[in-house]
Amino acid sequence: MSFMELFNRRVRGFRVVEVVGLGILLSLVTGVYLAKTFAGRERQEIARIEQEIQEEAVRKRLLEAEVAHLEQPRRIEQLAQMMQLQPIAADHEITEDALIDVARRRELPRAPVTAAPEATDALAADAPEPLPDDAPPPPPPGGPQ
């Protein structure tokens, strides 16, 4: 079978070359259609994301303007005067690192216990579990056994 016979050979009335060419053409058309469809979807997604970015930029500008308004020294001074606040004395200033020590030294006032034992048990059942800082210290080693 020669190369020219392949072009002239017929299958059910069609030449093999025509059938192959039609198959290639259909696959190309389908490929182009799918590529354009996917590109259109991607274009819509990009447009949606760009719109969200623009909306967030507007929101950011509004929030920055609000912060600038709230941080105006004149406004803060007026609020402080309305609330009768005074500047902090130098002996009451503290560093950030020392705040933890101040919180640990501070003892919270405790309310007197006057509830009945039944009410205390009911309240204890609803109370949250104690945090590690709230738990009583363990007994010293070598204590009474």
C-alpha atoms as a PDB file:
ATOM      1  CA  MET A   1       0.000   0.000   0.000  1.00  0.00           C
ATOM      2  CA  SER A   2       1.569   3.260  -1.110  1.00  0.00           C
ATOM      3  CA  PHE A   3       1.177   6.705   0.319  1.00  0.00           C
ATOM      4  CA  MET A   4      -1.095   7.822  -2.542  1.00  0.00           C
ATOM      5  CA  GLU A   5      -3.358   4.834  -2.046  1.00  0.00           C
ATOM      6  CA  LEU A   6      -3.983   6.007   1.539  1.00  0.00           C
ATOM      7  CA  PHE A   7      -5.414   9.284   0.182  1.00  0.00           C
ATOM      8  CA  ASN A   8      -7.617   7.544  -2.338  1.00  0.00           C
ATOM      9  CA  ARG A   9      -8.873   4.685  -0.161  1.00  0.00           C
ATOM     10  CA  ARG A  10     -12.554   4.960   0.729  1.00  0.00           C
ATOM     11  CA  VAL A  11     -14.479   3.858   3.818  1.00  0.00           C
ATOM     12  CA  ARG A  12     -18.278   3.812   3.406  1.00  0.00           C
ATOM     13  CA  GLY A  13     -18.077   6.295   0.579  1.00  0.00           C
ATOM     14  CA  PHE A  14     -15.676   8.731   2.225  1.00  0.00           C
ATOM     15  CA  ARG A  15     -11.981   9.006   1.661  1.00  0.00           C
ATOM     16  CA  VAL A  16      -9.858   8.273   4.732  1.00  0.00           C
ATOM     17  CA  VAL A  17      -8.173  11.676   4.416  1.00  0.00           C
ATOM     18  CA  GLU A  18     -11.551  13.425   4.617  1.00  0.00           C
ATOM     19  CA  VAL A  19     -12.581  11.460   7.718  1.00  0.00           C
ATOM     20  CA  VAL A  20      -9.254  12.180   9.457  1.00  0.00           C
ATOM     21  CA  GLY A  21      -9.430  15.850   8.479  1.00  0.00           C
ATOM     22  CA  LEU A  22     -13.003  16.123   9.788  1.00  0.00           C
ATOM     23  CA  GLY A  23     -11.955  14.504  13.081  1.00  0.00           C
ATOM     24  CA  ILE A  24      -9.045  16.914  13.472  1.00  0.00           C
ATOM     25  CA  LEU A  25     -11.296  19.873  12.625  1.00  0.00           C
ATOM     26  CA  LEU A  26     -13.931  18.810  15.185  1.00  0.00           C
ATOM     27  CA  SER A  27     -11.327  18.339  17.892  1.00  0.00           C
ATOM     28  CA  LEU A  28      -9.845  21.798  17.141  1.00  0.00           C
ATOM     29  CA  VAL A  29     -13.274  23.450  17.234  1.00  0.00           C
ATOM     30  CA  THR A  30     -14.096  21.731  20.524  1.00  0.00           C
ATOM     31  CA  GLY A  31     -10.718  22.723  21.998  1.00  0.00           C
ATOM     32  CA  VAL A  32     -11.134  26.373  21.002  1.00  0.00           C
ATOM     33  CA  TYR A  33     -14.681  26.439  22.392  1.00  0.00           C
ATOM     34  CA  LEU A  34     -13.571  24.970  25.734  1.00  0.00           C
ATOM     35  CA  ALA A  35     -10.596  27.343  25.948  1.00  0.00           C
ATOM     36  CA  LYS A  36     -12.821  30.373  25.335  1.00  0.00           C
ATOM     37  CA  THR A  37     -15.368  29.141  27.885  1.00  0.00           C
ATOM     38  CA  PHE A  38     -12.729  28.664  30.585  1.00  0.00           C
ATOM     39  CA  ALA A  39     -11.147  32.013  29.732  1.00  0.00           C
ATOM     40  CA  GLY A  40     -14.532  33.728  30.091  1.00  0.00           C
ATOM     41  CA  ARG A  41     -15.050  32.196  33.523  1.00  0.00           C
ATOM     42  CA  GLU A  42     -11.576  33.250  34.604  1.00  0.00           C
ATOM     43  CA  ARG A  43     -12.217  36.775  33.293  1.00  0.00           C
ATOM     44  CA  GLN A  44     -15.423  36.977  35.365  1.00  0.00           C
ATOM     45  CA  GLU A  45     -13.603  35.727  38.466  1.00  0.00           C
ATOM     46  CA  ILE A  46     -10.829  38.281  37.974  1.00  0.00           C
ATOM     47  CA  ALA A  47     -13.387  41.085  37.560  1.00  0.00           C
ATOM     48  CA  ARG A  48     -15.183  39.983  40.747  1.00  0.00           C
ATOM     49  CA  ILE A  49     -11.939  39.906  42.738  1.00  0.00           C
ATOM     50  CA  GLU A  50     -10.899  43.319  41.400  1.00  0.00           C
ATOM     51  CA  GLN A  51     -14.289  44.706  42.470  1.00  0.00           C
ATOM     52  CA  GLU A  52     -13.786  43.270  45.969  1.00  0.00           C
ATOM     53  CA  ILE A  53     -10.322  44.860  46.115  1.00  0.00           C
ATOM     54  CA  GLN A  54     -11.784  48.243  45.178  1.00  0.00           C
ATOM     55  CA  GLU A  55     -14.508  47.898  47.815  1.00  0.00           C
ATOM     56  CA  GLU A  56     -11.933  46.986  50.454  1.00  0.00           C
ATOM     57  CA  ALA A  57      -9.794  49.980  49.453  1.00  0.00           C
ATOM     58  CA  VAL A  58     -12.800  52.278  49.927  1.00  0.00           C
ATOM     59  CA  ARG A  59     -13.530  50.671  53.293  1.00  0.00           C
ATOM     60  CA  LYS A  60      -9.882  51.076  54.313  1.00  0.00           C
ATOM     61  CA  ARG A  61      -9.938  54.781  53.438  1.00  0.00           C
ATOM     62  CA  LEU A  62     -13.132  55.236  55.453  1.00  0.00           C
ATOM     63  CA  LEU A  63     -11.643  53.468  58.463  1.00  0.00           C
ATOM     64  CA  GLU A  64      -8.445  55.525  58.229  1.00  0.00           C
ATOM     65  CA  ALA A  65     -10.545  58.709  58.155  1.00  0.00           C
ATOM     66  CA  GLU A  66     -12.504  57.529  61.189  1.00  0.00           C
ATOM     67  CA  VAL A  67      -9.289  56.742  63.090  1.00  0.00           C
ATOM     68  CA  ALA A  68      -7.900  60.168  62.202  1.00  0.00           C
ATOM     69  CA  HIS A  69     -11.092  61.761  63.552  1.00  0.00           C
ATOM     70  CA  LEU A  70     -11.088  59.697  66.743  1.00  0.00           C
ATOM     71  CA  GLU A  71      -7.414  60.419  67.436  1.00  0.00           C
ATOM     72  CA  GLN A  72      -7.694  64.202  67.187  1.00  0.00           C
ATOM     73  CA  PRO A  73      -6.015  65.683  70.274  1.00  0.00           C
ATOM     74  CA  ARG A  74      -8.714  68.345  70.676  1.00  0.00           C
ATOM     75  CA  ARG A  75     -11.455  65.693  70.727  1.00  0.00           C
ATOM     76  CA  ILE A  76      -9.566  63.502  73.215  1.00  0.00           C
ATOM     77  CA  GLU A  77      -8.948  66.526  75.433  1.00  0.00           C
ATOM     78  CA  GLN A  78     -12.656  67.407  75.414  1.00  0.00           C
ATOM     79  CA  LEU A  79     -13.585  63.827  76.334  1.00  0.00           C
ATOM     80  CA  ALA A  80     -11.036  63.816  79.153  1.00  0.00           C
ATOM     81  CA  GLN A  81     -12.446  67.071  80.523  1.00  0.00           C
ATOM     82  CA  MET A  82     -16.010  65.752  80.320  1.00  0.00           C
ATOM     83  CA  MET A  83     -14.996  62.640  82.242  1.00  0.00           C
ATOM     84  CA  GLN A  84     -12.879  64.737  84.660  1.00  0.00           C
ATOM     85  CA  LEU A  85      -9.726  62.730  83.930  1.00  0.00           C
ATOM     86  CA  GLN A  86      -6.349  63.951  85.131  1.00  0.00           C
ATOM     87  CA  PRO A  87      -2.880  63.188  83.770  1.00  0.00           C
ATOM     88  CA  ILE A  88      -1.162  60.147  85.258  1.00  0.00           C
ATOM     89  CA  ALA A  89       1.261  60.958  88.026  1.00  0.00           C
ATOM     90  CA  ALA A  90       4.864  59.945  87.399  1.00  0.00           C
ATOM     91  CA  ASP A  91       4.863  57.543  90.343  1.00  0.00           C
ATOM     92  CA  HIS A  92       1.937  55.605  88.790  1.00  0.00           C
ATOM     93  CA  GLU A  93       3.613  54.973  85.437  1.00  0.00           C
ATOM     94  CA  ILE A  94       4.860  51.462  84.738  1.00  0.00           C
ATOM     95  CA  THR A  95       6.529  49.571  81.914  1.00  0.00           C
ATOM     96  CA  GLU A  96       4.770  46.895  79.896  1.00  0.00           C
ATOM     97  CA  ASP A  97       6.990  44.159  81.295  1.00  0.00           C
ATOM     98  CA  ALA A  98       6.127  45.023  84.902  1.00  0.00           C
ATOM     99  CA  LEU A  99       2.349  44.807  84.302  1.00  0.00           C
ATOM    100  CA  ILE A 100       2.352  41.041  84.819  1.00  0.00           C
ATOM    101  CA  ASP A 101       4.007  41.418  88.230  1.00  0.00           C
ATOM    102  CA  VAL A 102       1.473  44.074  89.230  1.00  0.00           C
ATOM    103  CA  ALA A 103      -1.401  41.806  88.203  1.00  0.00           C
ATOM    104  CA  ARG A 104       0.026  38.903  90.228  1.00  0.00           C
ATOM    105  CA  ARG A 105       0.527  41.037  93.355  1.00  0.00           C
ATOM    106  CA  ARG A 106      -2.942  42.497  93.205  1.00  0.00           C
ATOM    107  CA  GLU A 107      -5.353  40.563  95.357  1.00  0.00           C
ATOM    108  CA  LEU A 108      -9.005  40.555  94.358  1.00  0.00           C
ATOM    109  CA  PRO A 109     -11.532  41.270  97.125  1.00  0.00           C
ATOM    110  CA  ARG A 110     -13.442  38.201  98.148  1.00  0.00           C
ATOM    111  CA  ALA A 111     -17.126  38.191  99.013  1.00  0.00           C
ATOM    112  CA  PRO A 112     -18.118  36.634 102.346  1.00  0.00           C
ATOM    113  CA  VAL A 113     -19.548  33.133 102.061  1.00  0.00           C
ATOM    114  CA  THR A 114     -23.095  33.088 103.446  1.00  0.00           C
ATOM    115  CA  ALA A 115     -24.813  30.586 101.146  1.00  0.00           C
ATOM    116  CA  ALA A 116     -26.300  27.335 102.391  1.00  0.00           C
ATOM    117  CA  PRO A 117     -24.305  24.154 101.633  1.00  0.00           C
ATOM    118  CA  GLU A 118     -27.011  22.880  99.241  1.00  0.00           C
ATOM    119  CA  ALA A 119     -26.896  26.124  97.248  1.00  0.00           C
ATOM    120  CA  THR A 120     -23.101  26.018  97.163  1.00  0.00           C
ATOM    121  CA  ASP A 121     -23.157  22.489  95.713  1.00  0.00           C
ATOM    122  CA  ALA A 122     -25.661  23.558  93.046  1.00  0.00           C
ATOM    123  CA  LEU A 123     -23.542  26.568  92.139  1.00  0.00           C
ATOM    124  CA  ALA A 124     -20.373  24.469  92.055  1.00  0.00           C
ATOM    125  CA  ALA A 125     -21.978  22.105  89.542  1.00  0.00           C
ATOM    126  CA  ASP A 126     -22.664  25.029  87.162  1.00  0.00           C
ATOM    127  CA  ALA A 127     -19.337  26.787  87.754  1.00  0.00           C
ATOM    128  CA  PRO A 128     -16.613  26.547  85.104  1.00  0.00           C
ATOM    129  CA  GLU A 129     -13.537  24.510  85.796  1.00  0.00           C
ATOM    130  CA  PRO A 130     -10.779  26.470  87.570  1.00  0.00           C
ATOM    131  CA  LEU A 131      -7.925  27.751  85.459  1.00  0.00           C
ATOM    132  CA  PRO A 132      -4.351  26.738  86.353  1.00  0.00           C
ATOM    133  CA  ASP A 133      -3.797  30.156  87.984  1.00  0.00           C
ATOM    134  CA  ASP A 134      -6.986  29.735  90.065  1.00  0.00           C
ATOM    135  CA  ALA A 135      -6.176  26.246  91.334  1.00  0.00           C
ATOM    136  CA  PRO A 136      -4.887  26.005  94.927  1.00  0.00           C
ATOM    137  CA  PRO A 137      -1.181  25.267  95.271  1.00  0.00           C
ATOM    138  CA  PRO A 138      -0.199  21.629  95.857  1.00  0.00           C
ATOM    139  CA  PRO A 139       0.624  20.593  99.417  1.00  0.00           C
ATOM    140  CA  PRO A 140       4.316  20.834 100.328  1.00  0.00           C
ATOM    141  CA  PRO A 141       6.297  17.597 100.014  1.00  0.00           C
ATOM    142  CA  GLY A 142       6.929  15.764 103.224  1.00  0.00           C
ATOM    143  CA  GLY A 143       3.714  17.046 104.821  1.00  0.00           C
ATOM    144  CA  PRO A 144       1.300  15.028 106.959  1.00  0.00           C
ATOM    145  CA  GLN A 145       0.491  11.637 105.537  1.00  0.00           C
END
